Amino acid sequence: MTLRARVFGLVPALWLLLAGTALAYVALRPGIASIAALLFVVYLAPVLCYRVHELAWPLLPGLSRLDTPQYSPWWGGHQFQVMYSALPALEAMLRLVPGLYSLWLRAWGSRIGRAVYWTPLVEITDRALLEVGDGAVFGHRVGCYPHFVTRRHGGLYLYVKPIRIGAGAMLGAGSRLGPGARIAAGADLRVLTDVGMDQRVPADVAGEREA
């Protein structure tokens, strides 16, 4: 692991420290300024840092190795997001307000259409790697995983590719989508459907319309 990777590996701990400080500030001096500072630290600062990181070290889709002297841009970008996986309630609250979670994902760099419905317990690991069409529906505990890490031939490999979901597609409860998955417009995924790496689901796939 490079020195740069080690430094970015400290980001979650630093974020936790800053969030705790901002929360203490709210408790000591409640008001608009302290609440705004807390929201900035919790939600906006990681997004801004991620976008700056992306400008300096852009993430390129495809296969790469994590166990080489070269810096992996995915690793750094991941550190600005891992706290939301550790504390999923932070994002679940955003999904309670219509349109807010879609706006949140657009801020990271994803392309999200209009009137997309997100259930509260959706899980997304790479918030900049989604393309979702208008009116798509994400069922309970749907997971979108645009990357995977595997060990093969003595090396540690990373594969990254955006997930594309067409307009009006419905993802049944518990469905999981891997890197490069493509769901055609209007397709319905049955409950607990797994869509593997680079797999395509055509529009004529019909399932149980459960969310």
N, C-alpha and C. Protein backbone atom coordinates (compact mmCIF):
# COMPACT_ATOMS: atom_id res chain seq x y z
N MET A 1 0.84 -1.20 0.00
CA MET A 1 0.00 0.00 0.00
C MET A 1 0.87 1.24 0.00
N THR A 2 0.55 2.19 -0.86
CA THR A 2 1.34 3.40 -0.96
C THR A 2 1.10 4.32 0.23
N LEU A 3 2.00 5.29 0.40
CA LEU A 3 1.84 6.27 1.46
C LEU A 3 0.55 7.06 1.27
N ARG A 4 0.23 7.39 0.02
CA ARG A 4 -0.99 8.12 -0.26
C ARG A 4 -2.21 7.31 0.17
N ALA A 5 -2.18 6.02 -0.09
CA ALA A 5 -3.30 5.16 0.30
C ALA A 5 -3.42 5.10 1.82
N ARG A 6 -2.30 5.06 2.52
CA ARG A 6 -2.35 5.03 3.99
C ARG A 6 -2.94 6.32 4.54
N VAL A 7 -2.57 7.44 3.92
CA VAL A 7 -3.10 8.73 4.38
C VAL A 7 -4.62 8.78 4.19
N PHE A 8 -5.09 8.37 3.01
CA PHE A 8 -6.53 8.38 2.76
C PHE A 8 -7.25 7.36 3.63
N GLY A 9 -6.55 6.34 4.06
CA GLY A 9 -7.15 5.36 4.96
C GLY A 9 -7.52 5.94 6.31
N LEU A 10 -6.99 7.11 6.63
CA LEU A 10 -7.31 7.78 7.90
C LEU A 10 -8.57 8.64 7.80
N VAL A 11 -9.09 8.80 6.59
CA VAL A 11 -10.23 9.70 6.39
C VAL A 11 -11.44 9.32 7.25
N PRO A 12 -11.88 8.05 7.31
CA PRO A 12 -13.06 7.74 8.14
C PRO A 12 -12.89 8.12 9.61
N ALA A 13 -11.69 7.87 10.16
CA ALA A 13 -11.45 8.22 11.56
C ALA A 13 -11.48 9.74 11.74
N LEU A 14 -10.90 10.48 10.79
CA LEU A 14 -10.92 11.94 10.87
C LEU A 14 -12.35 12.46 10.77
N TRP A 15 -13.13 11.87 9.87
CA TRP A 15 -14.53 12.28 9.73
C TRP A 15 -15.28 12.03 11.03
N LEU A 16 -15.05 10.89 11.66
CA LEU A 16 -15.73 10.56 12.91
C LEU A 16 -15.37 11.58 13.99
N LEU A 17 -14.10 11.98 14.03
CA LEU A 17 -13.66 12.98 15.01
C LEU A 17 -14.33 14.32 14.76
N LEU A 18 -14.37 14.74 13.50
CA LEU A 18 -15.00 16.03 13.17
C LEU A 18 -16.50 16.01 13.42
N ALA A 19 -17.14 14.88 13.09
CA ALA A 19 -18.58 14.78 13.32
C ALA A 19 -18.89 14.83 14.81
N GLY A 20 -18.07 14.15 15.61
CA GLY A 20 -18.26 14.19 17.05
C GLY A 20 -18.07 15.59 17.62
N THR A 21 -17.07 16.31 17.08
CA THR A 21 -16.83 17.68 17.52
C THR A 21 -18.00 18.58 17.14
N ALA A 22 -18.51 18.42 15.92
CA ALA A 22 -19.65 19.23 15.48
C ALA A 22 -20.89 18.92 16.30
N LEU A 23 -21.09 17.65 16.65
CA LEU A 23 -22.24 17.28 17.48
C LEU A 23 -22.13 17.89 18.87
N ALA A 24 -20.92 17.90 19.42
CA ALA A 24 -20.71 18.52 20.72
C ALA A 24 -20.97 20.03 20.65
N TYR A 25 -20.60 20.63 19.52
CA TYR A 25 -20.85 22.06 19.32
C TYR A 25 -22.35 22.36 19.31
N VAL A 26 -23.13 21.48 18.69
CA VAL A 26 -24.59 21.65 18.69
C VAL A 26 -25.14 21.55 20.10
N ALA A 27 -24.60 20.60 20.89
CA ALA A 27 -25.08 20.42 22.25
C ALA A 27 -24.73 21.62 23.13
N LEU A 28 -23.56 22.20 22.92
CA LEU A 28 -23.12 23.32 23.74
C LEU A 28 -23.74 24.64 23.30
N ARG A 29 -23.87 24.82 21.99
CA ARG A 29 -24.41 26.06 21.45
C ARG A 29 -25.43 25.76 20.36
N PRO A 30 -26.59 25.29 20.73
CA PRO A 30 -27.61 24.97 19.73
C PRO A 30 -28.03 26.21 18.96
N GLY A 31 -28.20 26.03 17.67
CA GLY A 31 -28.59 27.15 16.82
C GLY A 31 -28.37 26.79 15.36
N ILE A 32 -28.72 27.71 14.49
CA ILE A 32 -28.62 27.47 13.05
C ILE A 32 -27.17 27.23 12.63
N ALA A 33 -26.26 28.01 13.18
CA ALA A 33 -24.86 27.89 12.77
C ALA A 33 -24.27 26.53 13.16
N SER A 34 -24.54 26.08 14.38
CA SER A 34 -23.97 24.81 14.82
C SER A 34 -24.60 23.64 14.08
N ILE A 35 -25.91 23.70 13.80
CA ILE A 35 -26.58 22.63 13.05
C ILE A 35 -26.07 22.59 11.62
N ALA A 36 -25.87 23.78 11.03
CA ALA A 36 -25.33 23.84 9.67
C ALA A 36 -23.93 23.25 9.62
N ALA A 37 -23.13 23.52 10.64
CA ALA A 37 -21.78 22.97 10.69
C ALA A 37 -21.82 21.44 10.78
N LEU A 38 -22.74 20.91 11.58
CA LEU A 38 -22.88 19.45 11.70
C LEU A 38 -23.29 18.82 10.37
N LEU A 39 -24.27 19.41 9.71
CA LEU A 39 -24.73 18.87 8.42
C LEU A 39 -23.62 18.94 7.37
N PHE A 40 -22.84 20.00 7.41
CA PHE A 40 -21.73 20.14 6.47
C PHE A 40 -20.72 19.02 6.66
N VAL A 41 -20.35 18.78 7.91
CA VAL A 41 -19.36 17.74 8.19
C VAL A 41 -19.89 16.36 7.83
N VAL A 42 -21.15 16.10 8.19
CA VAL A 42 -21.71 14.76 8.00
C VAL A 42 -21.98 14.45 6.54
N TYR A 43 -22.50 15.43 5.79
CA TYR A 43 -22.96 15.14 4.44
C TYR A 43 -22.15 15.83 3.32
N LEU A 44 -21.84 17.08 3.49
CA LEU A 44 -21.27 17.82 2.36
C LEU A 44 -19.75 17.69 2.24
N ALA A 45 -19.04 17.70 3.36
CA ALA A 45 -17.57 17.63 3.30
C ALA A 45 -17.07 16.37 2.58
N PRO A 46 -17.61 15.17 2.86
CA PRO A 46 -17.13 13.99 2.14
C PRO A 46 -17.37 14.07 0.64
N VAL A 47 -18.51 14.64 0.23
CA VAL A 47 -18.80 14.77 -1.20
C VAL A 47 -17.80 15.70 -1.87
N LEU A 48 -17.56 16.85 -1.26
CA LEU A 48 -16.62 17.81 -1.82
C LEU A 48 -15.22 17.23 -1.92
N CYS A 49 -14.79 16.53 -0.88
CA CYS A 49 -13.46 15.91 -0.89
C CYS A 49 -13.37 14.83 -1.96
N TYR A 50 -14.45 14.07 -2.13
CA TYR A 50 -14.46 13.03 -3.15
C TYR A 50 -14.32 13.64 -4.54
N ARG A 51 -15.05 14.73 -4.80
CA ARG A 51 -14.99 15.34 -6.13
C ARG A 51 -13.61 15.92 -6.42
N VAL A 52 -12.97 16.49 -5.41
CA VAL A 52 -11.60 16.98 -5.58
C VAL A 52 -10.65 15.82 -5.84
N HIS A 53 -10.82 14.74 -5.08
CA HIS A 53 -10.00 13.54 -5.28
C HIS A 53 -10.18 13.00 -6.69
N GLU A 54 -11.41 13.02 -7.18
CA GLU A 54 -11.71 12.51 -8.52
C GLU A 54 -11.03 13.35 -9.60
N LEU A 55 -10.92 14.65 -9.35
CA LEU A 55 -10.22 15.51 -10.31
C LEU A 55 -8.73 15.21 -10.34
N ALA A 56 -8.16 14.93 -9.18
CA ALA A 56 -6.73 14.66 -9.10
C ALA A 56 -6.38 13.25 -9.56
N TRP A 57 -7.22 12.27 -9.14
CA TRP A 57 -6.95 10.86 -9.47
C TRP A 57 -8.25 10.22 -9.96
N PRO A 58 -8.61 10.46 -11.22
CA PRO A 58 -9.89 9.94 -11.74
C PRO A 58 -9.95 8.42 -11.72
N LEU A 59 -11.13 7.91 -11.40
CA LEU A 59 -11.36 6.48 -11.36
C LEU A 59 -11.69 5.98 -12.76
N LEU A 60 -10.94 5.01 -13.25
CA LEU A 60 -11.16 4.45 -14.58
C LEU A 60 -11.80 3.07 -14.43
N PRO A 61 -12.92 2.82 -15.10
CA PRO A 61 -13.56 1.50 -15.03
C PRO A 61 -12.65 0.42 -15.59
N GLY A 62 -12.84 -0.80 -15.09
CA GLY A 62 -12.07 -1.92 -15.61
C GLY A 62 -11.36 -2.68 -14.51
N LEU A 63 -10.42 -3.52 -14.92
CA LEU A 63 -9.69 -4.40 -14.01
C LEU A 63 -8.35 -3.80 -13.66
N SER A 64 -8.00 -3.83 -12.39
CA SER A 64 -6.70 -3.33 -11.93
C SER A 64 -6.26 -4.14 -10.72
N ARG A 65 -5.02 -3.94 -10.32
CA ARG A 65 -4.50 -4.65 -9.15
C ARG A 65 -4.37 -3.69 -7.97
N LEU A 66 -4.69 -4.22 -6.79
CA LEU A 66 -4.60 -3.43 -5.57
C LEU A 66 -3.29 -3.64 -4.82
N ASP A 67 -2.55 -4.69 -5.18
CA ASP A 67 -1.35 -5.05 -4.42
C ASP A 67 -0.08 -4.68 -5.17
N THR A 68 -0.10 -3.56 -5.86
CA THR A 68 1.08 -3.07 -6.56
C THR A 68 1.49 -1.73 -5.97
N PRO A 69 2.69 -1.24 -6.28
CA PRO A 69 3.12 0.06 -5.74
C PRO A 69 2.31 1.23 -6.26
N GLN A 70 1.51 1.04 -7.31
CA GLN A 70 0.72 2.13 -7.85
C GLN A 70 -0.50 2.42 -6.96
N TYR A 71 -0.85 3.71 -6.89
CA TYR A 71 -2.00 4.13 -6.10
C TYR A 71 -3.29 3.78 -6.82
N SER A 72 -4.26 3.25 -6.10
CA SER A 72 -5.57 2.93 -6.66
C SER A 72 -6.55 4.06 -6.36
N PRO A 73 -7.02 4.79 -7.39
CA PRO A 73 -7.98 5.86 -7.13
C PRO A 73 -9.26 5.36 -6.46
N TRP A 74 -9.64 4.11 -6.74
CA TRP A 74 -10.85 3.59 -6.10
C TRP A 74 -10.69 3.56 -4.59
N TRP A 75 -9.51 3.19 -4.11
CA TRP A 75 -9.28 3.08 -2.68
C TRP A 75 -9.52 4.43 -1.99
N GLY A 76 -8.93 5.48 -2.53
CA GLY A 76 -9.12 6.80 -1.93
C GLY A 76 -10.57 7.23 -1.94
N GLY A 77 -11.24 7.05 -3.09
CA GLY A 77 -12.64 7.42 -3.19
C GLY A 77 -13.51 6.63 -2.23
N HIS A 78 -13.14 5.37 -2.03
CA HIS A 78 -13.90 4.51 -1.12
C HIS A 78 -13.85 5.03 0.32
N GLN A 79 -12.73 5.61 0.70
CA GLN A 79 -12.57 6.09 2.08
C GLN A 79 -13.51 7.25 2.40
N PHE A 80 -13.94 7.99 1.39
CA PHE A 80 -14.87 9.09 1.63
C PHE A 80 -16.31 8.61 1.71
N GLN A 81 -16.53 7.32 1.50
CA GLN A 81 -17.89 6.78 1.50
C GLN A 81 -18.13 5.68 2.54
N VAL A 82 -17.07 5.09 3.05
CA VAL A 82 -17.21 3.89 3.87
C VAL A 82 -18.02 4.15 5.14
N MET A 83 -18.01 5.39 5.64
CA MET A 83 -18.75 5.67 6.86
C MET A 83 -20.26 5.57 6.67
N TYR A 84 -20.72 5.78 5.44
CA TYR A 84 -22.16 5.65 5.19
C TYR A 84 -22.60 4.20 5.14
N SER A 85 -21.66 3.32 4.82
CA SER A 85 -21.95 1.88 4.90
C SER A 85 -21.91 1.42 6.35
N ALA A 86 -21.01 2.01 7.14
CA ALA A 86 -20.92 1.65 8.55
C ALA A 86 -22.09 2.21 9.35
N LEU A 87 -22.63 3.36 8.92
CA LEU A 87 -23.75 4.01 9.60
C LEU A 87 -24.87 4.24 8.59
N PRO A 88 -25.55 3.17 8.16
CA PRO A 88 -26.54 3.30 7.08
C PRO A 88 -27.71 4.22 7.40
N ALA A 89 -27.97 4.48 8.68
CA ALA A 89 -29.08 5.36 9.04
C ALA A 89 -28.88 6.78 8.48
N LEU A 90 -27.63 7.18 8.26
CA LEU A 90 -27.37 8.52 7.75
C LEU A 90 -27.99 8.70 6.37
N GLU A 91 -27.87 7.68 5.52
CA GLU A 91 -28.47 7.76 4.19
C GLU A 91 -29.95 7.40 4.21
N ALA A 92 -30.34 6.50 5.10
CA ALA A 92 -31.75 6.12 5.18
C ALA A 92 -32.62 7.34 5.46
N MET A 93 -32.13 8.27 6.26
CA MET A 93 -32.91 9.48 6.55
C MET A 93 -33.10 10.32 5.30
N LEU A 94 -32.10 10.35 4.42
CA LEU A 94 -32.23 11.12 3.19
C LEU A 94 -33.32 10.55 2.29
N ARG A 95 -33.55 9.24 2.35
CA ARG A 95 -34.54 8.60 1.49
C ARG A 95 -35.97 8.87 1.95
N LEU A 96 -36.13 9.43 3.13
CA LEU A 96 -37.48 9.74 3.62
C LEU A 96 -38.04 11.00 2.97
N VAL A 97 -37.17 11.81 2.37
CA VAL A 97 -37.59 13.05 1.73
C VAL A 97 -37.58 12.83 0.22
N PRO A 98 -38.72 12.91 -0.46
CA PRO A 98 -38.77 12.65 -1.90
C PRO A 98 -37.76 13.50 -2.68
N GLY A 99 -36.97 12.82 -3.49
CA GLY A 99 -36.00 13.51 -4.35
C GLY A 99 -34.66 13.81 -3.72
N LEU A 100 -34.58 13.77 -2.39
CA LEU A 100 -33.34 14.19 -1.72
C LEU A 100 -32.22 13.18 -1.95
N TYR A 101 -32.55 11.88 -1.88
CA TYR A 101 -31.48 10.89 -2.06
C TYR A 101 -30.97 10.89 -3.51
N SER A 102 -31.85 11.09 -4.45
CA SER A 102 -31.41 11.19 -5.85
C SER A 102 -30.46 12.38 -6.02
N LEU A 103 -30.79 13.50 -5.38
CA LEU A 103 -29.92 14.67 -5.42
C LEU A 103 -28.57 14.37 -4.79
N TRP A 104 -28.59 13.62 -3.71
CA TRP A 104 -27.36 13.22 -3.01
C TRP A 104 -26.46 12.40 -3.93
N LEU A 105 -27.02 11.45 -4.65
CA LEU A 105 -26.22 10.62 -5.55
C LEU A 105 -25.70 11.43 -6.73
N ARG A 106 -26.51 12.38 -7.22
CA ARG A 106 -26.02 13.24 -8.30
C ARG A 106 -24.83 14.06 -7.84
N ALA A 107 -24.84 14.49 -6.58
CA ALA A 107 -23.71 15.26 -6.05
C ALA A 107 -22.42 14.46 -6.08
N TRP A 108 -22.52 13.14 -5.91
CA TRP A 108 -21.33 12.29 -5.97
C TRP A 108 -20.86 12.08 -7.41
N GLY A 109 -21.78 12.20 -8.37
CA GLY A 109 -21.40 12.00 -9.76
C GLY A 109 -22.26 11.02 -10.52
N SER A 110 -23.23 10.39 -9.86
CA SER A 110 -24.12 9.46 -10.55
C SER A 110 -25.14 10.23 -11.41
N ARG A 111 -25.68 9.52 -12.39
CA ARG A 111 -26.73 10.09 -13.24
C ARG A 111 -28.07 9.45 -12.83
N ILE A 112 -28.88 10.24 -12.18
CA ILE A 112 -30.14 9.73 -11.64
C ILE A 112 -31.30 10.49 -12.28
N GLY A 113 -32.27 9.75 -12.80
CA GLY A 113 -33.42 10.36 -13.46
C GLY A 113 -34.43 10.90 -12.47
N ARG A 114 -35.57 11.29 -13.00
CA ARG A 114 -36.62 11.86 -12.18
C ARG A 114 -37.52 10.77 -11.60
N ALA A 115 -38.14 11.10 -10.47
CA ALA A 115 -39.16 10.24 -9.84
C ALA A 115 -38.67 8.82 -9.57
N VAL A 116 -37.41 8.68 -9.22
CA VAL A 116 -36.88 7.37 -8.81
C VAL A 116 -37.29 7.12 -7.36
N TYR A 117 -37.78 5.90 -7.09
CA TYR A 117 -38.23 5.58 -5.73
C TYR A 117 -37.18 4.70 -5.04
N TRP A 118 -36.75 5.16 -3.87
CA TRP A 118 -35.76 4.43 -3.07
C TRP A 118 -36.40 4.00 -1.76
N THR A 119 -36.40 2.72 -1.46
CA THR A 119 -36.82 2.28 -0.13
C THR A 119 -35.70 2.59 0.86
N PRO A 120 -36.01 2.73 2.15
CA PRO A 120 -35.02 3.21 3.11
C PRO A 120 -33.76 2.36 3.26
N LEU A 121 -33.86 1.05 3.02
CA LEU A 121 -32.71 0.18 3.29
C LEU A 121 -31.96 -0.25 2.04
N VAL A 122 -32.03 0.52 0.97
CA VAL A 122 -31.20 0.28 -0.21
C VAL A 122 -29.73 0.44 0.17
N GLU A 123 -28.86 -0.38 -0.41
CA GLU A 123 -27.42 -0.30 -0.13
C GLU A 123 -26.65 -0.04 -1.42
N ILE A 124 -25.85 1.02 -1.42
CA ILE A 124 -25.03 1.37 -2.57
C ILE A 124 -23.61 1.62 -2.07
N THR A 125 -22.65 0.94 -2.65
CA THR A 125 -21.28 1.05 -2.14
C THR A 125 -20.45 2.10 -2.86
N ASP A 126 -20.78 2.37 -4.12
CA ASP A 126 -20.02 3.35 -4.91
C ASP A 126 -21.01 4.38 -5.47
N ARG A 127 -21.12 5.51 -4.81
CA ARG A 127 -22.20 6.45 -5.08
C ARG A 127 -22.03 7.26 -6.35
N ALA A 128 -20.89 7.15 -7.00
CA ALA A 128 -20.67 7.87 -8.26
C ALA A 128 -20.82 6.97 -9.47
N LEU A 129 -21.18 5.72 -9.27
CA LEU A 129 -21.14 4.74 -10.36
C LEU A 129 -22.51 4.15 -10.67
N LEU A 130 -23.53 5.01 -10.67
CA LEU A 130 -24.88 4.57 -11.01
C LEU A 130 -25.45 5.42 -12.14
N GLU A 131 -26.17 4.78 -13.03
CA GLU A 131 -26.98 5.47 -14.04
C GLU A 131 -28.38 4.89 -13.95
N VAL A 132 -29.34 5.72 -13.53
CA VAL A 132 -30.70 5.26 -13.27
C VAL A 132 -31.68 6.11 -14.07
N GLY A 133 -32.56 5.46 -14.83
CA GLY A 133 -33.54 6.17 -15.63
C GLY A 133 -34.74 6.63 -14.83
N ASP A 134 -35.57 7.44 -15.45
CA ASP A 134 -36.76 7.99 -14.79
C ASP A 134 -37.69 6.88 -14.31
N GLY A 135 -38.23 7.08 -13.12
CA GLY A 135 -39.29 6.21 -12.61
C GLY A 135 -38.86 4.82 -12.19
N ALA A 136 -37.58 4.56 -12.05
CA ALA A 136 -37.13 3.25 -11.57
C ALA A 136 -37.51 3.08 -10.10
N VAL A 137 -37.73 1.83 -9.69
CA VAL A 137 -38.14 1.53 -8.32
C VAL A 137 -37.15 0.56 -7.70
N PHE A 138 -36.62 0.93 -6.53
CA PHE A 138 -35.68 0.09 -5.79
C PHE A 138 -36.41 -0.52 -4.61
N GLY A 139 -36.56 -1.84 -4.60
CA GLY A 139 -37.27 -2.52 -3.53
C GLY A 139 -36.45 -2.61 -2.25
N HIS A 140 -37.07 -3.18 -1.24
CA HIS A 140 -36.48 -3.31 0.09
C HIS A 140 -35.17 -4.09 0.04
N ARG A 141 -34.11 -3.49 0.59
CA ARG A 141 -32.79 -4.11 0.70
C ARG A 141 -32.17 -4.47 -0.65
N VAL A 142 -32.46 -3.71 -1.67
CA VAL A 142 -31.74 -3.87 -2.94
C VAL A 142 -30.30 -3.39 -2.74
N GLY A 143 -29.34 -4.12 -3.29
CA GLY A 143 -27.94 -3.76 -3.17
C GLY A 143 -27.30 -3.52 -4.53
N CYS A 144 -26.60 -2.41 -4.68
CA CYS A 144 -25.87 -2.09 -5.90
C CYS A 144 -24.38 -2.03 -5.57
N TYR A 145 -23.60 -2.91 -6.19
CA TYR A 145 -22.19 -3.05 -5.86
C TYR A 145 -21.35 -2.92 -7.13
N PRO A 146 -20.99 -1.70 -7.52
CA PRO A 146 -20.26 -1.48 -8.77
C PRO A 146 -18.79 -1.92 -8.74
N HIS A 147 -18.35 -2.54 -7.67
CA HIS A 147 -16.97 -3.05 -7.64
C HIS A 147 -16.93 -4.40 -6.94
N PHE A 148 -15.91 -5.16 -7.23
CA PHE A 148 -15.61 -6.33 -6.41
C PHE A 148 -14.10 -6.54 -6.38
N VAL A 149 -13.65 -7.19 -5.32
CA VAL A 149 -12.23 -7.48 -5.13
C VAL A 149 -12.07 -8.99 -5.02
N THR A 150 -11.11 -9.53 -5.72
CA THR A 150 -10.89 -10.97 -5.69
C THR A 150 -9.39 -11.27 -5.74
N ARG A 151 -9.02 -12.41 -5.19
CA ARG A 151 -7.63 -12.84 -5.25
C ARG A 151 -7.51 -13.96 -6.29
N ARG A 152 -6.60 -13.78 -7.25
CA ARG A 152 -6.39 -14.80 -8.27
C ARG A 152 -4.94 -14.73 -8.76
N HIS A 153 -4.43 -15.89 -9.08
CA HIS A 153 -3.06 -15.99 -9.61
C HIS A 153 -2.05 -15.26 -8.72
N GLY A 154 -2.28 -15.32 -7.43
CA GLY A 154 -1.34 -14.70 -6.50
C GLY A 154 -1.45 -13.20 -6.37
N GLY A 155 -2.46 -12.59 -6.99
CA GLY A 155 -2.61 -11.14 -6.91
C GLY A 155 -3.98 -10.75 -6.39
N LEU A 156 -4.11 -9.49 -5.98
CA LEU A 156 -5.37 -8.96 -5.47
C LEU A 156 -5.92 -8.01 -6.54
N TYR A 157 -7.04 -8.40 -7.13
CA TYR A 157 -7.58 -7.67 -8.27
C TYR A 157 -8.87 -6.94 -7.91
N LEU A 158 -9.02 -5.77 -8.53
CA LEU A 158 -10.22 -4.94 -8.37
C LEU A 158 -10.88 -4.78 -9.73
N TYR A 159 -12.20 -4.97 -9.77
CA TYR A 159 -12.96 -4.71 -10.99
C TYR A 159 -14.03 -3.68 -10.69
N VAL A 160 -14.04 -2.61 -11.47
CA VAL A 160 -14.98 -1.51 -11.26
C VAL A 160 -15.69 -1.20 -12.56
N LYS A 161 -17.02 -1.07 -12.50
CA LYS A 161 -17.78 -0.69 -13.67
C LYS A 161 -19.15 -0.17 -13.23
N PRO A 162 -19.62 0.93 -13.82
CA PRO A 162 -20.92 1.49 -13.42
C PRO A 162 -22.07 0.52 -13.65
N ILE A 163 -23.11 0.65 -12.83
CA ILE A 163 -24.35 -0.11 -12.97
C ILE A 163 -25.36 0.79 -13.68
N ARG A 164 -26.04 0.24 -14.69
CA ARG A 164 -27.01 1.01 -15.46
C ARG A 164 -28.40 0.38 -15.32
N ILE A 165 -29.36 1.21 -14.93
CA ILE A 165 -30.74 0.75 -14.71
C ILE A 165 -31.66 1.62 -15.54
N GLY A 166 -32.42 1.01 -16.42
CA GLY A 166 -33.26 1.76 -17.35
C GLY A 166 -34.49 2.36 -16.70
N ALA A 167 -35.11 3.26 -17.43
CA ALA A 167 -36.32 3.93 -16.95
C ALA A 167 -37.43 2.93 -16.70
N GLY A 168 -38.13 3.11 -15.59
CA GLY A 168 -39.27 2.27 -15.26
C GLY A 168 -38.94 0.87 -14.80
N ALA A 169 -37.67 0.54 -14.66
CA ALA A 169 -37.29 -0.79 -14.16
C ALA A 169 -37.68 -0.92 -12.70
N MET A 170 -38.04 -2.15 -12.32
CA MET A 170 -38.40 -2.40 -10.93
C MET A 170 -37.51 -3.50 -10.38
N LEU A 171 -36.79 -3.18 -9.31
CA LEU A 171 -35.86 -4.13 -8.70
C LEU A 171 -36.52 -4.73 -7.46
N GLY A 172 -36.82 -6.03 -7.51
CA GLY A 172 -37.50 -6.69 -6.41
C GLY A 172 -36.69 -6.71 -5.13
N ALA A 173 -37.37 -6.86 -4.02
CA ALA A 173 -36.74 -6.84 -2.70
C ALA A 173 -35.58 -7.83 -2.62
N GLY A 174 -34.47 -7.38 -2.06
CA GLY A 174 -33.32 -8.25 -1.85
C GLY A 174 -32.48 -8.51 -3.08
N SER A 175 -32.78 -7.89 -4.21
CA SER A 175 -31.98 -8.09 -5.42
C SER A 175 -30.60 -7.45 -5.25
N ARG A 176 -29.59 -8.07 -5.90
CA ARG A 176 -28.22 -7.57 -5.80
C ARG A 176 -27.63 -7.44 -7.20
N LEU A 177 -27.02 -6.28 -7.45
CA LEU A 177 -26.46 -6.00 -8.77
C LEU A 177 -24.95 -5.82 -8.65
N GLY A 178 -24.22 -6.55 -9.49
CA GLY A 178 -22.77 -6.47 -9.48
C GLY A 178 -22.25 -5.45 -10.46
N PRO A 179 -20.92 -5.25 -10.52
CA PRO A 179 -20.33 -4.25 -11.41
C PRO A 179 -20.66 -4.52 -12.87
N GLY A 180 -21.05 -3.46 -13.57
CA GLY A 180 -21.37 -3.60 -14.98
C GLY A 180 -22.74 -4.15 -15.29
N ALA A 181 -23.56 -4.41 -14.27
CA ALA A 181 -24.90 -4.93 -14.50
C ALA A 181 -25.73 -3.90 -15.27
N ARG A 182 -26.54 -4.39 -16.19
CA ARG A 182 -27.41 -3.52 -16.99
C ARG A 182 -28.84 -4.06 -16.94
N ILE A 183 -29.73 -3.22 -16.47
CA ILE A 183 -31.14 -3.57 -16.38
C ILE A 183 -31.89 -2.72 -17.42
N ALA A 184 -32.54 -3.38 -18.36
CA ALA A 184 -33.21 -2.65 -19.43
C ALA A 184 -34.40 -1.87 -18.91
N ALA A 185 -34.78 -0.84 -19.64
CA ALA A 185 -35.96 -0.04 -19.28
C ALA A 185 -37.19 -0.94 -19.23
N GLY A 186 -37.95 -0.80 -18.14
CA GLY A 186 -39.18 -1.55 -17.99
C GLY A 186 -39.03 -2.96 -17.47
N ALA A 187 -37.81 -3.42 -17.25
CA ALA A 187 -37.61 -4.79 -16.75
C ALA A 187 -38.05 -4.89 -15.30
N ASP A 188 -38.55 -6.07 -14.91
CA ASP A 188 -38.92 -6.35 -13.52
C ASP A 188 -38.04 -7.48 -13.01
N LEU A 189 -37.35 -7.26 -11.92
CA LEU A 189 -36.55 -8.31 -11.30
C LEU A 189 -37.35 -8.96 -10.19
N ARG A 190 -37.35 -10.29 -10.17
CA ARG A 190 -38.02 -11.00 -9.09
C ARG A 190 -37.31 -10.72 -7.76
N VAL A 191 -38.02 -11.00 -6.70
CA VAL A 191 -37.44 -10.89 -5.36
C VAL A 191 -36.19 -11.77 -5.26
N LEU A 192 -35.13 -11.23 -4.63
CA LEU A 192 -33.87 -11.95 -4.40
C LEU A 192 -33.16 -12.35 -5.69
N THR A 193 -33.25 -11.52 -6.71
CA THR A 193 -32.53 -11.77 -7.96
C THR A 193 -31.10 -11.27 -7.86
N ASP A 194 -30.15 -12.08 -8.27
CA ASP A 194 -28.75 -11.68 -8.34
C ASP A 194 -28.38 -11.44 -9.80
N VAL A 195 -27.85 -10.26 -10.10
CA VAL A 195 -27.40 -9.92 -11.44
C VAL A 195 -25.89 -9.76 -11.37
N GLY A 196 -25.16 -10.68 -11.98
CA GLY A 196 -23.71 -10.74 -11.85
C GLY A 196 -22.97 -9.71 -12.67
N MET A 197 -21.65 -9.81 -12.62
CA MET A 197 -20.76 -8.89 -13.31
C MET A 197 -21.05 -8.84 -14.81
N ASP A 198 -21.30 -7.65 -15.31
CA ASP A 198 -21.54 -7.39 -16.74
C ASP A 198 -22.75 -8.14 -17.30
N GLN A 199 -23.62 -8.63 -16.44
CA GLN A 199 -24.81 -9.35 -16.91
C GLN A 199 -25.88 -8.34 -17.33
N ARG A 200 -26.61 -8.67 -18.39
CA ARG A 200 -27.68 -7.81 -18.88
C ARG A 200 -29.03 -8.48 -18.66
N VAL A 201 -29.98 -7.68 -18.19
CA VAL A 201 -31.35 -8.16 -18.00
C VAL A 201 -32.24 -7.45 -19.01
N PRO A 202 -32.85 -8.17 -19.95
CA PRO A 202 -33.67 -7.53 -20.98
C PRO A 202 -35.01 -7.05 -20.45
N ALA A 203 -35.69 -6.28 -21.29
CA ALA A 203 -36.96 -5.67 -20.87
C ALA A 203 -38.06 -6.69 -20.70
N ASP A 204 -37.94 -7.87 -21.34
CA ASP A 204 -39.03 -8.83 -21.26
C ASP A 204 -38.96 -9.72 -20.03
N VAL A 205 -38.02 -9.43 -19.12
CA VAL A 205 -37.95 -10.19 -17.86
C VAL A 205 -39.04 -9.66 -16.94
N ALA A 206 -39.90 -10.53 -16.52
CA ALA A 206 -41.01 -10.15 -15.63
C ALA A 206 -40.87 -10.85 -14.30
N GLY A 207 -41.22 -10.17 -13.25
CA GLY A 207 -41.11 -10.78 -11.94
C GLY A 207 -42.29 -10.40 -11.07
N GLU A 208 -42.19 -10.74 -9.81
CA GLU A 208 -43.25 -10.38 -8.87
C GLU A 208 -43.06 -8.92 -8.49
N ARG A 209 -44.07 -8.11 -8.70
CA ARG A 209 -43.92 -6.68 -8.45
C ARG A 209 -44.05 -6.42 -6.95
N GLU A 210 -42.95 -6.70 -6.25
CA GLU A 210 -42.91 -6.49 -4.81
C GLU A 210 -41.79 -5.53 -4.49
N ALA A 211 -42.04 -4.62 -3.58
CA ALA A 211 -41.01 -3.72 -3.10
C ALA A 211 -40.95 -3.79 -1.59
